Amino acid sequence: MKHINSSDVIIASLTQYGRNVANLRISGLSDLGQVIEYIKKALHGIIGMTSLRLRNGSQGWVEELHLMFGTSPADSRRPQQLSLF
């Protein structure tokens, strides 16, 4: 991952199933983990595979990541009640 300074302006574009979900302008963060946490909080309703395109105009780089939102290992261990009625 490229370097991020707290003074940089990051443009985050999220797409899901070929549809633009959000465009965010982020500043004041200094690493990728903080950027992803910011996005998770801003878009708490998104579930599933998402493509995240980060553009740092201050440093001139673009990075694309694929993230799974709304699932956790705890979700897969949670018992589910199934009904036929």
N, C-alpha and C. Protein backbone atom coordinates (compact mmCIF):
# COMPACT_ATOMS: atom_id res chain seq x y z
N MET A 1 0.84 -1.19 0.00
CA MET A 1 0.00 0.00 0.00
C MET A 1 0.87 1.23 0.00
N LYS A 2 0.41 2.23 -0.67
CA LYS A 2 1.11 3.49 -0.75
C LYS A 2 1.05 4.24 0.58
N HIS A 3 1.91 5.22 0.74
CA HIS A 3 1.98 6.00 1.98
C HIS A 3 0.86 7.04 2.03
N ILE A 4 0.33 7.28 3.23
CA ILE A 4 -0.72 8.28 3.44
C ILE A 4 -0.27 9.23 4.55
N ASN A 5 -0.28 10.52 4.27
CA ASN A 5 -0.02 11.54 5.29
C ASN A 5 -1.34 12.10 5.79
N SER A 6 -1.36 12.59 7.02
CA SER A 6 -2.60 13.15 7.57
C SER A 6 -3.06 14.39 6.82
N SER A 7 -2.18 15.04 6.10
CA SER A 7 -2.56 16.24 5.33
C SER A 7 -3.08 15.90 3.92
N ASP A 8 -3.00 14.62 3.52
CA ASP A 8 -3.47 14.20 2.20
C ASP A 8 -4.99 14.18 2.13
N VAL A 9 -5.51 14.40 0.94
CA VAL A 9 -6.94 14.26 0.67
C VAL A 9 -7.11 12.99 -0.14
N ILE A 10 -7.86 12.04 0.43
CA ILE A 10 -8.10 10.75 -0.21
C ILE A 10 -9.52 10.74 -0.76
N ILE A 11 -9.68 10.37 -2.01
CA ILE A 11 -11.00 10.19 -2.61
C ILE A 11 -11.25 8.68 -2.66
N ALA A 12 -12.31 8.24 -1.98
CA ALA A 12 -12.66 6.83 -1.95
C ALA A 12 -13.93 6.62 -2.76
N SER A 13 -13.87 5.73 -3.74
CA SER A 13 -15.03 5.38 -4.56
C SER A 13 -15.33 3.91 -4.34
N LEU A 14 -16.57 3.62 -3.96
CA LEU A 14 -16.98 2.25 -3.71
C LEU A 14 -18.00 1.81 -4.74
N THR A 15 -17.77 0.62 -5.31
CA THR A 15 -18.73 0.04 -6.24
C THR A 15 -19.08 -1.35 -5.75
N GLN A 16 -20.32 -1.73 -6.03
CA GLN A 16 -20.80 -3.05 -5.65
C GLN A 16 -21.72 -3.54 -6.76
N TYR A 17 -21.44 -4.71 -7.29
CA TYR A 17 -22.22 -5.30 -8.38
C TYR A 17 -22.31 -4.35 -9.57
N GLY A 18 -21.22 -3.63 -9.85
CA GLY A 18 -21.15 -2.74 -10.98
C GLY A 18 -21.85 -1.40 -10.79
N ARG A 19 -22.32 -1.13 -9.57
CA ARG A 19 -23.06 0.10 -9.29
C ARG A 19 -22.26 0.95 -8.31
N ASN A 20 -22.19 2.25 -8.56
CA ASN A 20 -21.50 3.15 -7.65
C ASN A 20 -22.31 3.28 -6.37
N VAL A 21 -21.69 2.94 -5.23
CA VAL A 21 -22.37 2.98 -3.94
C VAL A 21 -22.10 4.29 -3.22
N ALA A 22 -20.85 4.77 -3.28
CA ALA A 22 -20.51 6.00 -2.57
C ALA A 22 -19.21 6.59 -3.10
N ASN A 23 -19.10 7.90 -2.93
CA ASN A 23 -17.86 8.63 -3.17
C ASN A 23 -17.60 9.45 -1.91
N LEU A 24 -16.45 9.24 -1.30
CA LEU A 24 -16.12 9.94 -0.06
C LEU A 24 -14.83 10.72 -0.23
N ARG A 25 -14.79 11.88 0.39
CA ARG A 25 -13.58 12.70 0.43
C ARG A 25 -13.09 12.65 1.87
N ILE A 26 -11.89 12.11 2.06
CA ILE A 26 -11.38 11.83 3.40
C ILE A 26 -10.05 12.56 3.61
N SER A 27 -9.89 13.19 4.76
CA SER A 27 -8.61 13.81 5.11
C SER A 27 -8.40 13.68 6.61
N GLY A 28 -7.17 13.90 7.04
CA GLY A 28 -6.84 13.84 8.46
C GLY A 28 -6.48 12.46 8.96
N LEU A 29 -6.42 11.47 8.08
CA LEU A 29 -6.07 10.11 8.48
C LEU A 29 -4.67 9.79 7.96
N SER A 30 -3.98 8.89 8.66
CA SER A 30 -2.58 8.67 8.30
C SER A 30 -2.21 7.25 7.92
N ASP A 31 -3.19 6.33 7.87
CA ASP A 31 -2.86 4.99 7.37
C ASP A 31 -4.11 4.31 6.81
N LEU A 32 -3.90 3.22 6.10
CA LEU A 32 -4.98 2.52 5.42
C LEU A 32 -6.02 1.99 6.40
N GLY A 33 -5.59 1.51 7.55
CA GLY A 33 -6.52 1.00 8.55
C GLY A 33 -7.51 2.06 9.00
N GLN A 34 -7.02 3.27 9.21
CA GLN A 34 -7.90 4.37 9.60
C GLN A 34 -8.88 4.71 8.49
N VAL A 35 -8.42 4.66 7.26
CA VAL A 35 -9.28 4.97 6.10
C VAL A 35 -10.40 3.93 6.01
N ILE A 36 -10.08 2.65 6.16
CA ILE A 36 -11.09 1.60 6.07
C ILE A 36 -12.08 1.70 7.22
N GLU A 37 -11.61 1.98 8.43
CA GLU A 37 -12.52 2.16 9.57
C GLU A 37 -13.46 3.34 9.34
N TYR A 38 -12.95 4.42 8.79
CA TYR A 38 -13.78 5.58 8.48
C TYR A 38 -14.88 5.21 7.49
N ILE A 39 -14.51 4.44 6.47
CA ILE A 39 -15.47 4.03 5.44
C ILE A 39 -16.52 3.10 6.05
N LYS A 40 -16.09 2.15 6.89
CA LYS A 40 -17.04 1.24 7.54
C LYS A 40 -18.07 2.00 8.36
N LYS A 41 -17.62 3.01 9.10
CA LYS A 41 -18.55 3.80 9.92
C LYS A 41 -19.48 4.64 9.06
N ALA A 42 -18.96 5.18 7.98
CA ALA A 42 -19.78 6.03 7.11
C ALA A 42 -20.82 5.21 6.34
N LEU A 43 -20.51 3.96 6.03
CA LEU A 43 -21.38 3.12 5.20
C LEU A 43 -21.76 1.85 5.93
N HIS A 44 -22.30 1.97 7.12
CA HIS A 44 -22.56 0.82 7.97
C HIS A 44 -23.60 -0.14 7.41
N GLY A 45 -24.39 0.27 6.42
CA GLY A 45 -25.43 -0.59 5.88
C GLY A 45 -25.01 -1.47 4.72
N ILE A 46 -23.78 -1.36 4.27
CA ILE A 46 -23.34 -2.14 3.11
C ILE A 46 -22.96 -3.55 3.54
N ILE A 47 -23.44 -4.53 2.78
CA ILE A 47 -23.13 -5.93 3.04
C ILE A 47 -22.69 -6.57 1.72
N GLY A 48 -21.60 -7.32 1.77
CA GLY A 48 -21.14 -8.06 0.61
C GLY A 48 -19.82 -7.55 0.06
N MET A 49 -19.43 -8.13 -1.07
CA MET A 49 -18.17 -7.78 -1.71
C MET A 49 -18.26 -6.40 -2.34
N THR A 50 -17.24 -5.59 -2.08
CA THR A 50 -17.20 -4.22 -2.56
C THR A 50 -15.82 -3.91 -3.11
N SER A 51 -15.78 -3.17 -4.21
CA SER A 51 -14.51 -2.68 -4.75
C SER A 51 -14.29 -1.27 -4.25
N LEU A 52 -13.13 -1.04 -3.69
CA LEU A 52 -12.78 0.26 -3.14
C LEU A 52 -11.61 0.82 -3.94
N ARG A 53 -11.82 1.99 -4.52
CA ARG A 53 -10.76 2.67 -5.28
C ARG A 53 -10.35 3.90 -4.49
N LEU A 54 -9.09 3.94 -4.06
CA LEU A 54 -8.56 5.07 -3.32
C LEU A 54 -7.66 5.89 -4.23
N ARG A 55 -7.89 7.20 -4.25
CA ARG A 55 -7.03 8.09 -5.04
C ARG A 55 -6.48 9.16 -4.11
N ASN A 56 -5.16 9.24 -4.06
CA ASN A 56 -4.50 10.26 -3.26
C ASN A 56 -3.99 11.32 -4.23
N GLY A 57 -4.76 12.39 -4.38
CA GLY A 57 -4.38 13.46 -5.30
C GLY A 57 -3.14 14.21 -4.84
N SER A 58 -2.89 14.22 -3.53
CA SER A 58 -1.72 14.92 -3.00
C SER A 58 -0.43 14.25 -3.43
N GLN A 59 -0.43 12.93 -3.48
CA GLN A 59 0.79 12.19 -3.84
C GLN A 59 0.72 11.56 -5.22
N GLY A 60 -0.46 11.55 -5.82
CA GLY A 60 -0.58 11.10 -7.20
C GLY A 60 -0.66 9.60 -7.40
N TRP A 61 -1.22 8.86 -6.45
CA TRP A 61 -1.35 7.41 -6.65
C TRP A 61 -2.81 6.97 -6.54
N VAL A 62 -3.08 5.80 -7.12
CA VAL A 62 -4.41 5.17 -7.08
C VAL A 62 -4.21 3.73 -6.67
N GLU A 63 -5.07 3.24 -5.80
CA GLU A 63 -5.01 1.85 -5.33
C GLU A 63 -6.42 1.28 -5.34
N GLU A 64 -6.57 0.03 -5.79
CA GLU A 64 -7.88 -0.61 -5.77
C GLU A 64 -7.83 -1.83 -4.88
N LEU A 65 -8.82 -1.94 -3.99
CA LEU A 65 -8.92 -3.04 -3.04
C LEU A 65 -10.29 -3.67 -3.16
N HIS A 66 -10.40 -4.93 -2.80
CA HIS A 66 -11.68 -5.62 -2.77
C HIS A 66 -11.93 -6.03 -1.33
N LEU A 67 -13.04 -5.56 -0.77
CA LEU A 67 -13.35 -5.78 0.64
C LEU A 67 -14.71 -6.44 0.80
N MET A 68 -14.83 -7.26 1.84
CA MET A 68 -16.09 -7.88 2.20
C MET A 68 -16.64 -7.12 3.41
N PHE A 69 -17.81 -6.53 3.25
CA PHE A 69 -18.45 -5.78 4.33
C PHE A 69 -19.60 -6.56 4.92
N GLY A 70 -19.83 -6.35 6.21
CA GLY A 70 -21.02 -6.87 6.87
C GLY A 70 -20.97 -8.32 7.27
N THR A 71 -19.82 -8.96 7.19
CA THR A 71 -19.71 -10.34 7.64
C THR A 71 -18.54 -10.44 8.60
N SER A 72 -18.65 -11.35 9.51
CA SER A 72 -17.55 -11.59 10.44
C SER A 72 -17.52 -13.07 10.77
N PRO A 73 -16.40 -13.58 11.29
CA PRO A 73 -16.35 -14.99 11.67
C PRO A 73 -17.43 -15.35 12.70
N ALA A 74 -17.78 -14.41 13.58
CA ALA A 74 -18.81 -14.67 14.59
C ALA A 74 -20.17 -14.93 13.93
N ASP A 75 -20.44 -14.27 12.80
CA ASP A 75 -21.71 -14.49 12.10
C ASP A 75 -21.84 -15.93 11.62
N SER A 76 -20.76 -16.54 11.18
CA SER A 76 -20.83 -17.90 10.65
C SER A 76 -20.99 -18.93 11.77
N ARG A 77 -20.62 -18.60 13.01
CA ARG A 77 -20.76 -19.54 14.13
C ARG A 77 -22.11 -19.40 14.83
N ARG A 78 -22.83 -18.32 14.57
CA ARG A 78 -24.10 -18.08 15.23
C ARG A 78 -25.13 -19.10 14.74
N PRO A 79 -25.81 -19.78 15.68
CA PRO A 79 -26.82 -20.75 15.24
C PRO A 79 -27.98 -20.05 14.54
N GLN A 80 -28.54 -20.72 13.57
CA GLN A 80 -29.67 -20.19 12.84
C GLN A 80 -30.85 -21.14 12.96
N GLN A 81 -32.01 -20.61 13.22
CA GLN A 81 -33.20 -21.44 13.29
C GLN A 81 -33.84 -21.47 11.91
N LEU A 82 -34.05 -22.66 11.40
CA LEU A 82 -34.66 -22.83 10.10
C LEU A 82 -36.09 -23.33 10.30
N SER A 83 -36.98 -22.89 9.45
CA SER A 83 -38.37 -23.29 9.56
C SER A 83 -38.89 -23.67 8.18
N LEU A 84 -39.73 -24.68 8.13
CA LEU A 84 -40.34 -25.09 6.88
C LEU A 84 -41.72 -24.49 6.70
N PHE A 85 -42.21 -23.78 7.67
CA PHE A 85 -43.56 -23.22 7.62
C PHE A 85 -43.54 -21.76 7.35
